[in-house]
Amino acid sequence: MNFLRELQQELDALHARGNLRHLPRLEHDGRYVITPGNGRRMLNLSSNDYLGLAADTDLRREFLETLTPETFLPTSSSSRLLTGNFRVYDELEDELARRFGTEAALVFNCGYHANTGILPAVADAQTLILADKLVHASLIDGIRLSAPARCIRYRHNDTAQLERLVDEHSSRYHRLIIVTESVFSMDGDRADLRRLVALKRRYDNVLLYVDEAHAFGVFGPTGLGCAEEEACIADIDFLCGTFGKASASAGAYVVCSRTVRDYLVNRMRPFIFTTALPPVSVAWTLFVVRRLAAMNDRRRHVLRLGERLRTRLAAHGYASSSASQIVPMIVGPSADTVMRAEALQRHGFYTLPVRPPTVPEGTSRIRFSLTAALTEDEVDSIPL
């Protein structure tokens, strides 16, 4: 009974700070969400469906025509190292390696699995991880699981500080791993990948880990991400991304050397001990990936929407470092942010408050997550 009382006290404390969360009850209708209680229909501005593919029924119909009762496989029934390695997994990994121009690729069940599994597999007591201060929670958890490796968090996008840390520690450790996102999930800003690559090239024992979860599909001439746009794919040792955002599917990937792939298959615990994704889900991912290169109009459109909204926010006094389809409106106190989100919902725009611990105290925000399914007029009509 004391245990439950302690939990309730913590929940009460979260509520008092304006940080208590609830699972929303929603019905989905294309670009809209509907709250069953009051029937409110709102334009969805909180989705990671960056290319608008999740609401594209024509694309789904085209995919469904490729399926038969024999190929519609809703479960893999086991891990890939047992009997769950269906041919479609190999086809997707071969397609990714070919498109990225790398030796190999490996697919995971989700981005969280990738980020909590790769670093612990390759780090040891002679490893120093240098991670951007604002990397995603999944990477933070992966770093924690990498003990006894040491970690130093450098100031967000402060490459000068990172350079000093590498210079100071490169001779003390067998291996240094720089960890960053390319597009950061809460601020929508971008890492300077070219400068990170230049830094890595100066040392024989420095590796680079880049998470492109919010860039894959959106950036690059064929939608492969910021590393493609910056022409530095070959210089990144662990180039990761997810399929659950712009690709409107599920799962994640790393493109890498053949040796790294083989090592992860043998040493990465979330990969080894997890039932593989349903083959039909992997088939849908492959179907979408093969069409990404032809989606430049969607990419250009969603990035124009981001610039349009940033301009409007700046006119209302909201500063933003965003350079992507993720555009935050930083309110500050959590309680005020919750009220702003509720006001936007009353006006027909489904936005959510992002609060600590997801973001630092005092920086609670509305995170506008734009998609190619939106129009300029809709973005212009958001009440700020």
Protein backbone atom coordinates (compact mmCIF):
# COMPACT_ATOMS: atom_id res chain seq x y z
CA MET A 1 0.00 0.00 0.00
CA ASN A 2 2.90 2.37 0.68
CA PHE A 3 4.12 1.66 -2.84
CA LEU A 4 0.87 2.83 -4.44
CA ARG A 5 0.76 5.88 -2.17
CA GLU A 6 4.28 6.84 -3.24
CA LEU A 7 3.34 6.50 -6.89
CA GLN A 8 0.26 8.64 -6.40
CA GLN A 9 2.27 11.31 -4.65
CA GLU A 10 4.62 11.47 -7.62
CA LEU A 11 1.65 11.70 -9.99
CA ASP A 12 0.20 14.50 -7.87
CA ALA A 13 3.52 16.34 -8.01
CA LEU A 14 3.59 16.01 -11.82
CA HIS A 15 0.05 17.39 -11.96
CA ALA A 16 0.99 20.36 -9.76
CA ARG A 17 3.87 21.22 -12.11
CA GLY A 18 1.67 20.92 -15.19
CA ASN A 19 3.61 17.87 -16.41
CA LEU A 20 1.08 15.06 -15.93
CA ARG A 21 0.42 13.15 -19.14
CA HIS A 22 -2.58 11.15 -20.36
CA LEU A 23 -3.02 8.91 -23.38
CA PRO A 24 -5.28 10.79 -25.81
CA ARG A 25 -8.38 9.04 -27.10
CA LEU A 26 -8.54 9.82 -30.79
CA GLU A 27 -10.16 8.68 -33.99
CA HIS A 28 -8.29 9.29 -37.22
CA ASP A 29 -9.79 10.64 -40.41
CA GLY A 30 -7.02 11.25 -42.92
CA ARG A 31 -5.36 14.56 -42.03
CA TYR A 32 -7.72 15.05 -39.11
CA VAL A 33 -8.17 13.61 -35.63
CA ILE A 34 -11.47 13.46 -33.77
CA THR A 35 -11.91 13.36 -30.01
CA PRO A 36 -14.75 10.88 -29.31
CA GLY A 37 -15.96 12.66 -26.18
CA ASN A 38 -16.95 15.93 -27.84
CA GLY A 39 -16.66 15.00 -31.50
CA ARG A 40 -14.18 17.83 -32.09
CA ARG A 41 -12.52 17.45 -35.51
CA MET A 42 -9.03 18.97 -35.65
CA LEU A 43 -6.31 19.30 -38.25
CA ASN A 44 -3.42 17.13 -37.10
CA LEU A 45 -0.31 19.24 -36.44
CA SER A 46 1.35 16.71 -34.12
CA SER A 47 2.08 13.84 -36.48
CA ASN A 48 5.51 12.74 -37.72
CA ASP A 49 3.93 11.78 -41.06
CA TYR A 50 6.18 14.32 -42.75
CA LEU A 51 5.45 13.37 -46.38
CA GLY A 52 1.73 12.89 -45.80
CA LEU A 53 1.89 9.23 -46.81
CA ALA A 54 -0.06 7.83 -43.86
CA ALA A 55 -3.20 9.52 -45.16
CA ASP A 56 -2.57 8.60 -48.81
CA THR A 57 -5.27 6.01 -49.54
CA ASP A 58 -4.26 5.72 -53.22
CA LEU A 59 -0.79 4.59 -52.16
CA ARG A 60 -2.29 2.03 -49.78
CA ARG A 61 -4.58 0.67 -52.49
CA GLU A 62 -1.63 0.27 -54.84
CA PHE A 63 0.26 -1.66 -52.17
CA LEU A 64 -2.72 -3.87 -51.32
CA GLU A 65 -2.91 -4.94 -54.96
CA THR A 66 0.54 -6.51 -54.57
CA LEU A 67 -0.64 -8.80 -51.75
CA THR A 68 -2.17 -12.25 -51.81
CA PRO A 69 -3.33 -14.43 -48.90
CA GLU A 70 0.06 -16.15 -49.18
CA THR A 71 2.11 -12.94 -49.05
CA PHE A 72 0.01 -11.15 -46.43
CA LEU A 73 2.04 -12.25 -43.42
CA PRO A 74 0.96 -10.39 -40.24
CA THR A 75 3.57 -12.01 -38.00
CA SER A 76 7.13 -13.28 -38.26
CA SER A 77 6.54 -15.60 -35.27
CA SER A 78 10.13 -15.42 -34.06
CA SER A 79 13.37 -13.47 -34.03
CA ARG A 80 15.36 -13.19 -37.24
CA LEU A 81 18.09 -15.44 -35.90
CA LEU A 82 15.55 -18.26 -35.49
CA THR A 83 12.86 -18.60 -38.16
CA GLY A 84 11.81 -14.96 -38.56
CA ASN A 85 14.19 -13.90 -41.33
CA PHE A 86 11.84 -13.73 -44.31
CA ARG A 87 13.14 -12.87 -47.77
CA VAL A 88 11.54 -9.42 -47.69
CA TYR A 89 13.91 -8.37 -44.88
CA ASP A 90 16.90 -9.15 -47.09
CA GLU A 91 15.26 -7.32 -49.98
CA LEU A 92 14.74 -4.19 -47.90
CA GLU A 93 18.29 -4.25 -46.52
CA ASP A 94 19.74 -4.78 -50.00
CA GLU A 95 17.63 -1.88 -51.29
CA LEU A 96 18.82 0.41 -48.50
CA ALA A 97 22.48 -0.50 -49.01
CA ARG A 98 22.15 0.08 -52.75
CA ARG A 99 20.45 3.45 -52.37
CA PHE A 100 22.86 4.69 -49.70
CA GLY A 101 25.89 3.25 -51.50
CA THR A 102 27.05 1.38 -48.40
CA GLU A 103 28.27 -2.18 -47.96
CA ALA A 104 25.33 -3.23 -45.82
CA ALA A 105 22.21 -2.30 -43.90
CA LEU A 106 20.38 -3.81 -40.95
CA VAL A 107 16.71 -3.32 -40.10
CA PHE A 108 15.35 -3.10 -36.55
CA ASN A 109 11.89 -3.11 -35.00
CA CYS A 110 12.00 0.59 -34.08
CA GLY A 111 14.31 3.54 -33.60
CA TYR A 112 14.35 2.98 -29.86
CA HIS A 113 15.76 -0.51 -30.41
CA ALA A 114 18.42 0.85 -32.75
CA ASN A 115 19.54 3.58 -30.38
CA THR A 116 19.48 1.43 -27.24
CA GLY A 117 21.21 -1.48 -28.93
CA ILE A 118 23.99 -0.28 -31.20
CA LEU A 119 26.09 1.72 -28.74
CA PRO A 120 26.06 -0.94 -25.98
CA ALA A 121 27.12 -3.52 -28.57
CA VAL A 122 30.20 -1.60 -29.76
CA ALA A 123 31.30 0.34 -26.65
CA ASP A 124 33.57 -0.91 -23.86
CA ALA A 125 35.66 0.46 -20.99
CA GLN A 126 38.11 1.97 -23.48
CA THR A 127 35.37 3.89 -25.28
CA LEU A 128 34.44 7.54 -24.79
CA ILE A 129 31.04 8.62 -26.13
CA LEU A 130 30.70 12.32 -26.95
CA ALA A 131 27.00 13.08 -27.32
CA ASP A 132 25.17 16.28 -28.19
CA LYS A 133 23.31 17.60 -25.14
CA LEU A 134 19.95 17.37 -26.94
CA VAL A 135 20.07 13.88 -28.43
CA HIS A 136 16.88 11.86 -28.16
CA ALA A 137 15.94 9.94 -25.01
CA SER A 138 16.52 6.65 -26.83
CA LEU A 139 20.16 7.61 -27.41
CA ILE A 140 20.53 8.70 -23.80
CA ASP A 141 19.25 5.30 -22.70
CA GLY A 142 21.61 3.61 -25.14
CA ILE A 143 24.50 5.56 -23.63
CA ARG A 144 23.47 4.52 -20.12
CA LEU A 145 23.40 0.89 -21.23
CA SER A 146 26.91 1.27 -22.65
CA ALA A 147 28.61 1.24 -19.23
CA PRO A 148 31.49 0.89 -18.47
CA ALA A 149 32.05 3.24 -21.42
CA ARG A 150 32.35 6.88 -20.36
CA CYS A 151 30.17 9.63 -21.78
CA ILE A 152 30.56 13.41 -22.00
CA ARG A 153 27.63 15.51 -23.24
CA TYR A 154 28.78 18.55 -25.21
CA ARG A 155 26.72 21.74 -25.53
CA HIS A 156 24.06 21.54 -28.21
CA ASN A 157 25.60 21.96 -31.68
CA ASP A 158 28.74 23.44 -30.10
CA THR A 159 31.25 21.91 -32.47
CA ALA A 160 34.07 24.04 -31.08
CA GLN A 161 33.62 22.47 -27.65
CA LEU A 162 33.39 19.03 -29.23
CA GLU A 163 36.67 19.63 -31.07
CA ARG A 164 38.38 20.53 -27.79
CA LEU A 165 37.01 17.38 -26.13
CA VAL A 166 38.20 15.16 -28.97
CA ASP A 167 41.65 16.74 -28.91
CA GLU A 168 41.86 16.34 -25.13
CA HIS A 169 40.71 12.71 -24.96
CA SER A 170 41.68 11.08 -28.26
CA SER A 171 44.97 9.74 -26.88
CA ARG A 172 43.38 8.47 -23.64
CA TYR A 173 40.80 6.13 -25.17
CA HIS A 174 40.95 3.32 -27.68
CA ARG A 175 37.78 4.59 -29.36
CA LEU A 176 35.72 7.81 -29.39
CA ILE A 177 32.17 7.84 -30.73
CA ILE A 178 30.52 11.17 -31.60
CA VAL A 179 26.74 10.88 -31.31
CA THR A 180 24.27 13.35 -32.78
CA GLU A 181 20.97 13.71 -34.56
CA SER A 182 20.92 15.38 -37.96
CA VAL A 183 17.55 17.08 -37.38
CA PHE A 184 16.77 17.48 -33.69
CA SER A 185 13.31 16.36 -32.71
CA MET A 186 12.30 19.15 -30.34
CA ASP A 187 13.93 22.22 -31.89
CA GLY A 188 13.92 21.23 -35.56
CA ASP A 189 17.45 22.55 -36.03
CA ARG A 190 20.26 20.70 -37.79
CA ALA A 191 23.72 19.47 -36.91
CA ASP A 192 26.71 20.60 -38.98
CA LEU A 193 27.48 17.19 -40.45
CA ARG A 194 30.27 18.41 -42.70
CA ARG A 195 32.15 19.89 -39.76
CA LEU A 196 31.62 16.71 -37.74
CA VAL A 197 32.96 14.65 -40.63
CA ALA A 198 35.98 16.94 -40.97
CA LEU A 199 36.66 16.50 -37.26
CA LYS A 200 36.38 12.73 -37.49
CA ARG A 201 38.79 12.56 -40.42
CA ARG A 202 41.56 14.10 -38.31
CA TYR A 203 41.67 11.10 -35.96
CA ASP A 204 42.09 7.39 -36.56
CA ASN A 205 40.07 6.35 -33.51
CA VAL A 206 36.98 8.57 -33.87
CA LEU A 207 33.67 7.14 -35.11
CA LEU A 208 30.51 9.04 -36.04
CA TYR A 209 26.95 7.99 -35.12
CA VAL A 210 24.15 10.03 -36.74
CA ASP A 211 20.42 9.54 -36.14
CA GLU A 212 18.40 10.72 -39.16
CA ALA A 213 14.99 9.83 -37.71
CA HIS A 214 13.52 13.25 -38.58
CA ALA A 215 15.47 13.73 -41.81
CA PHE A 216 14.98 10.45 -43.67
CA GLY A 217 12.44 10.99 -46.43
CA VAL A 218 12.47 14.79 -46.03
CA PHE A 219 16.01 15.89 -46.91
CA GLY A 220 18.37 14.94 -49.70
CA PRO A 221 17.85 14.79 -53.48
CA THR A 222 16.36 11.28 -53.20
CA GLY A 223 15.05 11.55 -49.64
CA LEU A 224 17.86 9.70 -47.87
CA GLY A 225 18.41 12.47 -45.32
CA CYS A 226 20.83 15.23 -44.42
CA ALA A 227 23.87 13.01 -44.96
CA GLU A 228 22.83 12.58 -48.59
CA GLU A 229 22.22 16.32 -48.90
CA GLU A 230 25.67 17.05 -47.43
CA ALA A 231 27.34 14.26 -49.49
CA CYS A 232 28.91 12.62 -46.44
CA ILE A 233 27.20 9.22 -46.19
CA ALA A 234 30.48 7.36 -46.64
CA ASP A 235 32.05 9.17 -43.68
CA ILE A 236 29.42 8.15 -41.12
CA ASP A 237 30.06 4.84 -39.38
CA PHE A 238 26.54 4.37 -37.99
CA LEU A 239 23.95 6.15 -40.13
CA CYS A 240 20.54 5.41 -38.62
CA GLY A 241 16.98 6.33 -39.42
CA THR A 242 13.40 5.30 -38.85
CA PHE A 243 10.51 4.20 -41.05
CA GLY A 244 7.79 5.25 -38.60
CA LYS A 245 7.85 8.93 -39.57
CA ALA A 246 8.19 10.13 -43.17
CA SER A 247 7.91 6.57 -44.50
CA ALA A 248 4.54 6.00 -42.79
CA SER A 249 5.55 2.53 -41.66
CA ALA A 250 7.37 0.94 -38.73
CA GLY A 251 10.94 -0.03 -37.94
CA ALA A 252 14.40 1.48 -38.24
CA TYR A 253 17.71 0.90 -39.98
CA VAL A 254 21.42 1.41 -39.86
CA VAL A 255 23.53 1.60 -43.01
CA CYS A 256 27.12 0.64 -42.35
CA SER A 257 30.01 -1.62 -43.28
CA ARG A 258 29.50 -5.35 -43.71
CA THR A 259 31.68 -5.98 -40.66
CA VAL A 260 29.60 -3.69 -38.45
CA ARG A 261 26.40 -5.36 -39.65
CA ASP A 262 27.72 -8.84 -38.89
CA TYR A 263 28.92 -7.70 -35.48
CA LEU A 264 25.53 -6.21 -34.57
CA VAL A 265 23.74 -9.39 -35.63
CA ASN A 266 25.91 -11.26 -33.13
CA ARG A 267 26.12 -8.73 -30.30
CA MET A 268 23.14 -6.36 -30.34
CA ARG A 269 20.72 -7.59 -27.70
CA PRO A 270 17.52 -5.78 -28.81
CA PHE A 271 18.04 -7.28 -32.27
CA ILE A 272 18.87 -10.79 -31.10
CA PHE A 273 16.11 -11.18 -28.52
CA THR A 274 13.14 -9.56 -30.29
CA THR A 275 10.48 -11.11 -32.49
CA ALA A 276 11.01 -9.62 -35.94
CA LEU A 277 8.63 -7.13 -37.49
CA PRO A 278 5.63 -8.57 -39.38
CA PRO A 279 6.75 -9.35 -42.95
CA VAL A 280 3.78 -7.41 -44.36
CA SER A 281 5.03 -4.31 -42.52
CA VAL A 282 8.50 -4.77 -43.99
CA ALA A 283 6.96 -5.23 -47.44
CA TRP A 284 5.09 -1.93 -47.06
CA THR A 285 8.33 -0.21 -46.01
CA LEU A 286 10.11 -1.57 -49.08
CA PHE A 287 7.20 -0.42 -51.25
CA VAL A 288 7.52 3.13 -49.86
CA VAL A 289 11.34 3.27 -49.90
CA ARG A 290 11.34 2.41 -53.61
CA ARG A 291 9.16 5.48 -54.23
CA LEU A 292 10.94 8.01 -52.01
CA ALA A 293 13.21 9.34 -54.75
CA ALA A 294 10.17 10.46 -56.77
CA MET A 295 8.69 12.49 -53.90
CA ASN A 296 10.65 15.72 -54.33
CA ASP A 297 7.46 17.77 -54.66
CA ARG A 298 6.33 16.60 -51.22
CA ARG A 299 9.75 17.33 -49.73
CA ARG A 300 9.90 20.83 -51.16
CA HIS A 301 6.34 21.56 -50.07
CA VAL A 302 6.73 20.53 -46.43
CA LEU A 303 10.00 22.46 -46.09
CA ARG A 304 8.34 25.56 -47.56
CA LEU A 305 5.58 25.18 -44.97
CA GLY A 306 8.22 25.11 -42.24
CA GLU A 307 9.76 28.35 -43.48
CA ARG A 308 6.33 29.94 -43.74
CA LEU A 309 5.42 29.08 -40.15
CA ARG A 310 8.82 30.22 -38.82
CA THR A 311 8.27 33.59 -40.48
CA ARG A 312 4.86 33.93 -38.83
CA LEU A 313 6.21 32.93 -35.42
CA ALA A 314 9.07 35.44 -35.70
CA ALA A 315 6.55 38.17 -36.45
CA HIS A 316 4.83 37.29 -33.17
CA GLY A 317 8.08 37.44 -31.21
CA TYR A 318 8.90 33.71 -31.07
CA ALA A 319 12.55 32.97 -31.83
CA SER A 320 13.33 29.61 -33.40
CA SER A 321 16.48 27.82 -34.52
CA SER A 322 14.41 25.43 -36.64
CA ALA A 323 15.57 24.65 -40.16
CA SER A 324 13.13 21.87 -40.93
CA GLN A 325 9.51 20.75 -40.88
CA ILE A 326 9.60 20.71 -37.06
CA VAL A 327 8.82 24.21 -35.77
CA PRO A 328 8.59 24.83 -32.01
CA MET A 329 6.73 27.70 -30.36
CA ILE A 330 8.48 27.99 -27.01
CA VAL A 331 6.03 29.22 -24.38
CA GLY A 332 8.03 28.59 -21.18
CA PRO A 333 5.99 27.43 -18.16
CA SER A 334 4.31 24.05 -18.55
CA ALA A 335 0.89 25.23 -17.33
CA ASP A 336 0.85 28.08 -19.85
CA THR A 337 1.86 25.70 -22.63
CA VAL A 338 -0.97 23.32 -21.78
CA MET A 339 -3.44 26.22 -22.01
CA ARG A 340 -2.03 27.28 -25.39
CA ALA A 341 -2.40 23.77 -26.73
CA GLU A 342 -5.99 23.57 -25.48
CA ALA A 343 -6.77 26.92 -27.12
CA LEU A 344 -5.36 25.73 -30.44
CA GLN A 345 -7.45 22.58 -30.19
CA ARG A 346 -10.58 24.64 -29.60
CA HIS A 347 -9.78 26.45 -32.85
CA GLY A 348 -9.52 23.14 -34.71
CA PHE A 349 -5.74 22.51 -34.65
CA TYR A 350 -4.52 19.42 -32.86
CA THR A 351 -1.31 20.41 -31.10
CA LEU A 352 0.21 19.03 -27.93
CA PRO A 353 2.31 20.58 -25.15
CA VAL A 354 5.86 19.28 -24.94
CA ARG A 355 7.04 19.49 -21.32
CA PRO A 356 9.85 18.31 -19.04
CA PRO A 357 11.51 15.87 -18.96
CA THR A 358 11.26 15.82 -22.77
CA VAL A 359 12.57 19.39 -22.83
CA PRO A 360 14.42 21.39 -20.13
CA GLU A 361 12.48 23.15 -17.40
CA GLY A 362 11.22 26.54 -18.51
CA THR A 363 11.23 25.66 -22.23
CA SER A 364 7.87 23.92 -22.58
CA ARG A 365 6.57 24.36 -26.08
CA ILE A 366 4.03 23.67 -28.77
CA ARG A 367 5.80 21.48 -31.30
CA PHE A 368 4.29 22.06 -34.72
CA SER A 369 5.07 18.95 -36.76
CA LEU A 370 4.23 19.78 -40.36
CA THR A 371 3.41 17.37 -43.15
CA ALA A 372 3.15 17.58 -46.92
CA ALA A 373 -0.58 16.92 -46.62
CA LEU A 374 -1.10 20.46 -45.25
CA THR A 375 -1.72 23.54 -47.37
CA GLU A 376 -0.21 27.01 -47.12
CA ASP A 377 -3.61 28.47 -46.24
CA GLU A 378 -3.98 26.02 -43.36
CA VAL A 379 -0.57 26.91 -41.96
CA ASP A 380 -1.37 30.60 -42.35
CA SER A 381 -4.61 30.18 -40.38
CA ILE A 382 -2.98 28.73 -37.24
CA PRO A 383 -3.76 31.22 -34.43
CA LEU A 384 -0.46 32.24 -32.82
